[in-house]
């Protein structure tokens, strides 16, 4: 077989089962296609095999992903908030209900108060180089100027 080509014997597998043998490197696009067709949720691993992205398998941030977000955000990421990480909740930047994943890239820390503010007032959150930026809704800031928390100095995870 050519590099990245599945074993032709896999076509004879019973429905609901499968086998594959790959030789050489496999392009990520091929892996995603195989995982999608097989209804498998891909998992992104960081150093030492720690899971950093579990896709949409669960809505709740597991402890190891929450720890990575805590290391990055250090506390509530909402502008000017000083609430430390132990008193914060992990929030999906792209809401779970809008197909957001449970991952370090799609998570940020918010204190309970600001978590409610984000949802009630419809703030939007984006990230730039791992730093969460918050854009207020037009009724709070007609220019919708993005702002960030300068109290904590986030580092990349």
C-alpha atoms as a PDB file:
ATOM      1  CA  UNK A   1       0.000   0.000   0.000  1.00  0.00           C
ATOM      2  CA  UNK A   2       0.967   3.633  -0.513  1.00  0.00           C
ATOM      3  CA  UNK A   3       1.733   5.849   2.503  1.00  0.00           C
ATOM      4  CA  UNK A   4      -1.495   6.952   4.178  1.00  0.00           C
ATOM      5  CA  UNK A   5      -3.596   4.411   2.279  1.00  0.00           C
ATOM      6  CA  UNK A   6      -5.904   2.200   4.353  1.00  0.00           C
ATOM      7  CA  UNK A   7      -5.602  -1.577   4.235  1.00  0.00           C
ATOM      8  CA  UNK A   8      -7.891  -2.860   1.442  1.00  0.00           C
ATOM      9  CA  UNK A   9      -8.991  -5.754   3.687  1.00  0.00           C
ATOM     10  CA  UNK A  10     -10.946  -3.235   5.777  1.00  0.00           C
ATOM     11  CA  UNK A  11     -13.642  -3.120   3.091  1.00  0.00           C
ATOM     12  CA  UNK A  12     -14.540  -6.736   3.944  1.00  0.00           C
ATOM     13  CA  UNK A  13     -15.137  -5.983   7.645  1.00  0.00           C
ATOM     14  CA  UNK A  14     -18.575  -6.639   9.133  1.00  0.00           C
ATOM     15  CA  UNK A  15     -20.858  -3.578   9.499  1.00  0.00           C
ATOM     16  CA  UNK A  16     -20.147  -1.822  12.766  1.00  0.00           C
ATOM     17  CA  UNK A  17     -16.523  -2.963  12.799  1.00  0.00           C
ATOM     18  CA  UNK A  18     -13.469  -1.871  10.937  1.00  0.00           C
ATOM     19  CA  UNK A  19      -9.768  -2.342  10.589  1.00  0.00           C
ATOM     20  CA  UNK A  20      -7.101  -0.222   9.015  1.00  0.00           C
ATOM     21  CA  UNK A  21      -3.372  -0.428   8.604  1.00  0.00           C
ATOM     22  CA  UNK A  22      -1.522   2.690   7.587  1.00  0.00           C
ATOM     23  CA  UNK A  23       2.054   2.922   6.400  1.00  0.00           C
ATOM     24  CA  UNK A  24       3.775   6.266   6.676  1.00  0.00           C
ATOM     25  CA  UNK A  25       2.402   9.672   7.606  1.00  0.00           C
ATOM     26  CA  UNK A  26      -1.314  10.391   7.401  1.00  0.00           C
ATOM     27  CA  UNK A  27      -2.578  13.852   6.503  1.00  0.00           C
ATOM     28  CA  UNK A  28      -4.812  15.401   9.213  1.00  0.00           C
ATOM     29  CA  UNK A  29      -7.597  15.871   6.638  1.00  0.00           C
ATOM     30  CA  UNK A  30      -7.667  12.111   6.026  1.00  0.00           C
ATOM     31  CA  UNK A  31      -7.818  11.439   9.763  1.00  0.00           C
ATOM     32  CA  UNK A  32     -10.703  13.892  10.232  1.00  0.00           C
ATOM     33  CA  UNK A  33     -12.598  12.306   7.325  1.00  0.00           C
ATOM     34  CA  UNK A  34     -12.121   8.792   8.703  1.00  0.00           C
ATOM     35  CA  UNK A  35     -13.158   9.936  12.197  1.00  0.00           C
ATOM     36  CA  UNK A  36     -16.229  11.709  10.839  1.00  0.00           C
ATOM     37  CA  UNK A  37     -17.328   8.741   8.741  1.00  0.00           C
ATOM     38  CA  UNK A  38     -16.820   6.436  11.730  1.00  0.00           C
ATOM     39  CA  UNK A  39     -18.707   8.779  14.098  1.00  0.00           C
ATOM     40  CA  UNK A  40     -15.581   9.089  16.258  1.00  0.00           C
ATOM     41  CA  UNK A  41     -14.844  12.224  18.262  1.00  0.00           C
ATOM     42  CA  UNK A  42     -11.253  13.366  17.693  1.00  0.00           C
ATOM     43  CA  UNK A  43      -9.281  14.315  20.796  1.00  0.00           C
ATOM     44  CA  UNK A  44      -6.441  16.870  20.784  1.00  0.00           C
ATOM     45  CA  UNK A  45      -3.520  15.912  23.015  1.00  0.00           C
ATOM     46  CA  UNK A  46      -0.973  18.279  24.493  1.00  0.00           C
ATOM     47  CA  UNK A  47       2.368  17.508  26.091  1.00  0.00           C
ATOM     48  CA  UNK A  48       2.574  14.320  28.140  1.00  0.00           C
ATOM     49  CA  UNK A  49      -0.604  13.088  26.463  1.00  0.00           C
ATOM     50  CA  UNK A  50      -2.906  15.514  28.299  1.00  0.00           C
ATOM     51  CA  UNK A  51      -6.250  16.038  26.566  1.00  0.00           C
ATOM     52  CA  UNK A  52      -6.724  19.688  25.535  1.00  0.00           C
ATOM     53  CA  UNK A  53      -9.775  19.398  23.284  1.00  0.00           C
ATOM     54  CA  UNK A  54     -12.517  16.796  23.561  1.00  0.00           C
ATOM     55  CA  UNK A  55     -14.710  18.246  20.857  1.00  0.00           C
ATOM     56  CA  UNK A  56     -18.375  17.888  21.666  1.00  0.00           C
ATOM     57  CA  UNK A  57     -18.267  14.697  23.734  1.00  0.00           C
ATOM     58  CA  UNK A  58     -19.153  16.617  26.912  1.00  0.00           C
ATOM     59  CA  UNK A  59     -20.265  20.134  27.859  1.00  0.00           C
ATOM     60  CA  UNK A  60     -18.595  20.276  31.276  1.00  0.00           C
ATOM     61  CA  UNK A  61     -14.896  21.205  31.266  1.00  0.00           C
ATOM     62  CA  UNK A  62     -12.976  18.280  32.804  1.00  0.00           C
ATOM     63  CA  UNK A  63     -10.346  19.092  35.455  1.00  0.00           C
ATOM     64  CA  UNK A  64      -7.296  18.817  33.167  1.00  0.00           C
ATOM     65  CA  UNK A  65      -8.736  21.264  30.582  1.00  0.00           C
ATOM     66  CA  UNK A  66      -9.901  23.590  33.359  1.00  0.00           C
ATOM     67  CA  UNK A  67      -6.345  23.541  34.811  1.00  0.00           C
ATOM     68  CA  UNK A  68      -4.920  24.578  31.426  1.00  0.00           C
ATOM     69  CA  UNK A  69      -7.435  27.451  31.211  1.00  0.00           C
ATOM     70  CA  UNK A  70      -6.597  28.489  34.795  1.00  0.00           C
ATOM     71  CA  UNK A  71      -2.871  28.528  33.951  1.00  0.00           C
ATOM     72  CA  UNK A  72      -3.591  30.795  30.996  1.00  0.00           C
ATOM     73  CA  UNK A  73      -6.272  33.161  32.394  1.00  0.00           C
ATOM     74  CA  UNK A  74      -5.252  33.163  36.107  1.00  0.00           C
ATOM     75  CA  UNK A  75      -8.643  34.586  37.137  1.00  0.00           C
ATOM     76  CA  UNK A  76     -11.817  36.102  35.723  1.00  0.00           C
ATOM     77  CA  UNK A  77     -10.946  37.253  32.209  1.00  0.00           C
ATOM     78  CA  UNK A  78     -13.664  39.944  32.115  1.00  0.00           C
ATOM     79  CA  UNK A  79     -12.189  43.465  31.834  1.00  0.00           C
ATOM     80  CA  UNK A  80     -11.076  44.953  35.163  1.00  0.00           C
ATOM     81  CA  UNK A  81     -12.252  41.981  37.249  1.00  0.00           C
ATOM     82  CA  UNK A  82      -9.888  40.813  40.004  1.00  0.00           C
ATOM     83  CA  UNK A  83     -11.639  37.585  41.061  1.00  0.00           C
ATOM     84  CA  UNK A  84      -9.013  34.796  41.289  1.00  0.00           C
ATOM     85  CA  UNK A  85      -9.239  31.508  39.392  1.00  0.00           C
ATOM     86  CA  UNK A  86     -10.496  29.311  42.271  1.00  0.00           C
ATOM     87  CA  UNK A  87     -13.706  31.371  42.378  1.00  0.00           C
ATOM     88  CA  UNK A  88     -14.287  31.270  38.610  1.00  0.00           C
ATOM     89  CA  UNK A  89     -16.258  29.093  36.213  1.00  0.00           C
ATOM     90  CA  UNK A  90     -15.086  27.833  32.830  1.00  0.00           C
ATOM     91  CA  UNK A  91     -17.159  29.390  30.034  1.00  0.00           C
ATOM     92  CA  UNK A  92     -17.527  28.264  26.404  1.00  0.00           C
ATOM     93  CA  UNK A  93     -16.544  31.225  24.195  1.00  0.00           C
ATOM     94  CA  UNK A  94     -18.609  29.767  21.359  1.00  0.00           C
ATOM     95  CA  UNK A  95     -21.595  28.513  23.299  1.00  0.00           C
ATOM     96  CA  UNK A  96     -22.052  24.760  23.568  1.00  0.00           C
ATOM     97  CA  UNK A  97     -25.555  25.213  22.112  1.00  0.00           C
ATOM     98  CA  UNK A  98     -23.954  26.882  19.061  1.00  0.00           C
ATOM     99  CA  UNK A  99     -21.677  23.892  18.403  1.00  0.00           C
ATOM    100  CA  UNK A 100     -18.852  25.182  20.619  1.00  0.00           C
ATOM    101  CA  UNK A 101     -16.266  22.627  21.690  1.00  0.00           C
ATOM    102  CA  UNK A 102     -15.010  21.857  25.173  1.00  0.00           C
ATOM    103  CA  UNK A 103     -11.387  22.892  24.724  1.00  0.00           C
ATOM    104  CA  UNK A 104      -8.721  25.256  25.989  1.00  0.00           C
ATOM    105  CA  UNK A 105      -9.112  27.378  22.849  1.00  0.00           C
ATOM    106  CA  UNK A 106     -12.880  27.693  23.369  1.00  0.00           C
ATOM    107  CA  UNK A 107     -12.801  28.202  27.128  1.00  0.00           C
ATOM    108  CA  UNK A 108     -12.190  31.147  29.402  1.00  0.00           C
ATOM    109  CA  UNK A 109     -12.591  31.831  33.115  1.00  0.00           C
ATOM    110  CA  UNK A 110     -15.389  34.057  34.380  1.00  0.00           C
ATOM    111  CA  UNK A 111     -16.557  34.812  37.895  1.00  0.00           C
ATOM    112  CA  UNK A 112     -20.214  34.014  38.511  1.00  0.00           C
ATOM    113  CA  UNK A 113     -21.240  37.669  38.200  1.00  0.00           C
ATOM    114  CA  UNK A 114     -19.527  38.216  34.846  1.00  0.00           C
ATOM    115  CA  UNK A 115     -20.655  34.819  33.561  1.00  0.00           C
ATOM    116  CA  UNK A 116     -24.231  36.030  34.047  1.00  0.00           C
ATOM    117  CA  UNK A 117     -23.419  39.445  32.527  1.00  0.00           C
ATOM    118  CA  UNK A 118     -21.998  37.807  29.380  1.00  0.00           C
ATOM    119  CA  UNK A 119     -25.192  35.825  28.833  1.00  0.00           C
ATOM    120  CA  UNK A 120     -27.708  38.503  29.897  1.00  0.00           C
ATOM    121  CA  UNK A 121     -26.124  41.424  28.046  1.00  0.00           C
ATOM    122  CA  UNK A 122     -24.893  39.438  25.003  1.00  0.00           C
ATOM    123  CA  UNK A 123     -21.221  40.326  25.120  1.00  0.00           C
ATOM    124  CA  UNK A 124     -19.031  38.580  22.545  1.00  0.00           C
ATOM    125  CA  UNK A 125     -15.644  37.063  23.308  1.00  0.00           C
ATOM    126  CA  UNK A 126     -12.789  36.493  20.889  1.00  0.00           C
ATOM    127  CA  UNK A 127      -9.229  35.416  21.540  1.00  0.00           C
ATOM    128  CA  UNK A 128      -6.054  36.883  20.131  1.00  0.00           C
ATOM    129  CA  UNK A 129      -2.802  35.042  20.867  1.00  0.00           C
ATOM    130  CA  UNK A 130      -4.548  33.227  23.701  1.00  0.00           C
ATOM    131  CA  UNK A 131      -5.889  36.396  25.350  1.00  0.00           C
ATOM    132  CA  UNK A 132      -9.688  36.750  25.693  1.00  0.00           C
ATOM    133  CA  UNK A 133     -11.093  40.038  24.344  1.00  0.00           C
ATOM    134  CA  UNK A 134     -14.606  41.154  25.261  1.00  0.00           C
ATOM    135  CA  UNK A 135     -16.830  43.223  22.973  1.00  0.00           C
ATOM    136  CA  UNK A 136     -19.807  44.895  24.636  1.00  0.00           C
ATOM    137  CA  UNK A 137     -23.225  44.955  22.991  1.00  0.00           C
ATOM    138  CA  UNK A 138     -24.238  48.153  21.126  1.00  0.00           C
ATOM    139  CA  UNK A 139     -26.565  49.317  23.909  1.00  0.00           C
ATOM    140  CA  UNK A 140     -23.563  49.500  26.281  1.00  0.00           C
ATOM    141  CA  UNK A 141     -20.989  50.775  23.787  1.00  0.00           C
ATOM    142  CA  UNK A 142     -22.232  51.931  20.364  1.00  0.00           C
ATOM    143  CA  UNK A 143     -18.661  51.645  19.007  1.00  0.00           C
ATOM    144  CA  UNK A 144     -18.345  48.120  20.429  1.00  0.00           C
ATOM    145  CA  UNK A 145     -14.714  48.612  21.382  1.00  0.00           C
ATOM    146  CA  UNK A 146     -13.060  45.309  22.356  1.00  0.00           C
ATOM    147  CA  UNK A 147     -11.434  45.299  25.785  1.00  0.00           C
ATOM    148  CA  UNK A 148      -9.518  42.846  27.934  1.00  0.00           C
ATOM    149  CA  UNK A 149      -8.580  42.272  31.536  1.00  0.00           C
ATOM    150  CA  UNK A 150      -5.226  43.880  32.359  1.00  0.00           C
ATOM    151  CA  UNK A 151      -5.214  42.716  35.992  1.00  0.00           C
ATOM    152  CA  UNK A 152      -4.089  39.212  35.046  1.00  0.00           C
ATOM    153  CA  UNK A 153      -1.288  38.691  32.551  1.00  0.00           C
ATOM    154  CA  UNK A 154      -2.356  35.607  30.599  1.00  0.00           C
ATOM    155  CA  UNK A 155       0.292  33.358  29.156  1.00  0.00           C
ATOM    156  CA  UNK A 156      -0.138  30.894  26.306  1.00  0.00           C
ATOM    157  CA  UNK A 157      -0.847  27.275  27.178  1.00  0.00           C
END
